[in-house]
């Protein structure tokens, strides 16, 4: 029963299969094979972080998660897009598509944030590929993958602790699970939309 688990454990359990499918799909497309593949990967990141950016400034969520505003990585993604000279028309298109996402319920927002914050752990492995295969780094082209100053694991544990301390009703927990599910589906759709196209084009 997910209502007997901590919120972070329930979110992990309910999105496990979606997460596995997404991870496998991304790696199948070999996003670090060359610059064109990586640009497709960045476009996916741009859609996700643009869609979720309003959450980091939502007053209700800031009351629930006090350090939230400092966790946004959209500016880092945009800097990486500029570093690798992502086509401006494509960048604008991805931002336009992301703007259609409206996360109006803060409890669904918690689920989206769970998905985004969790991705910082996997970024450690991705950063190694970026460095070895593309000669990019935390300071050029892959700044959105950089670890927080207090460390990836610590930063993630702090976020999970904040989630798990929230006193939510069963309905609110279900909304959080719905939000996390929506986030993984959105990213998977973005992968299939932009990463495959770039892989074929290259």
Foldseek 3Di string as FASTA:
>chain_A
DLVVDQLLVSLCVLCVVLVVVLVVLLVVLVLLQELLSVLLVLLLVLLLLLLLVVLLVDPVVCVLPVVSVVPRLNVVSVQLCVLSVPPPVSSVVSNVVSVVRDDPDNLLSLLSVSLVLVVLVVLVVVQVSCCVRVVAHCVYNSVSNDADPVGSVVVNVSSSVSRRPDDDDPVSSVSSSVSNNVSSVSSSVSCVVRNVVSSVVD
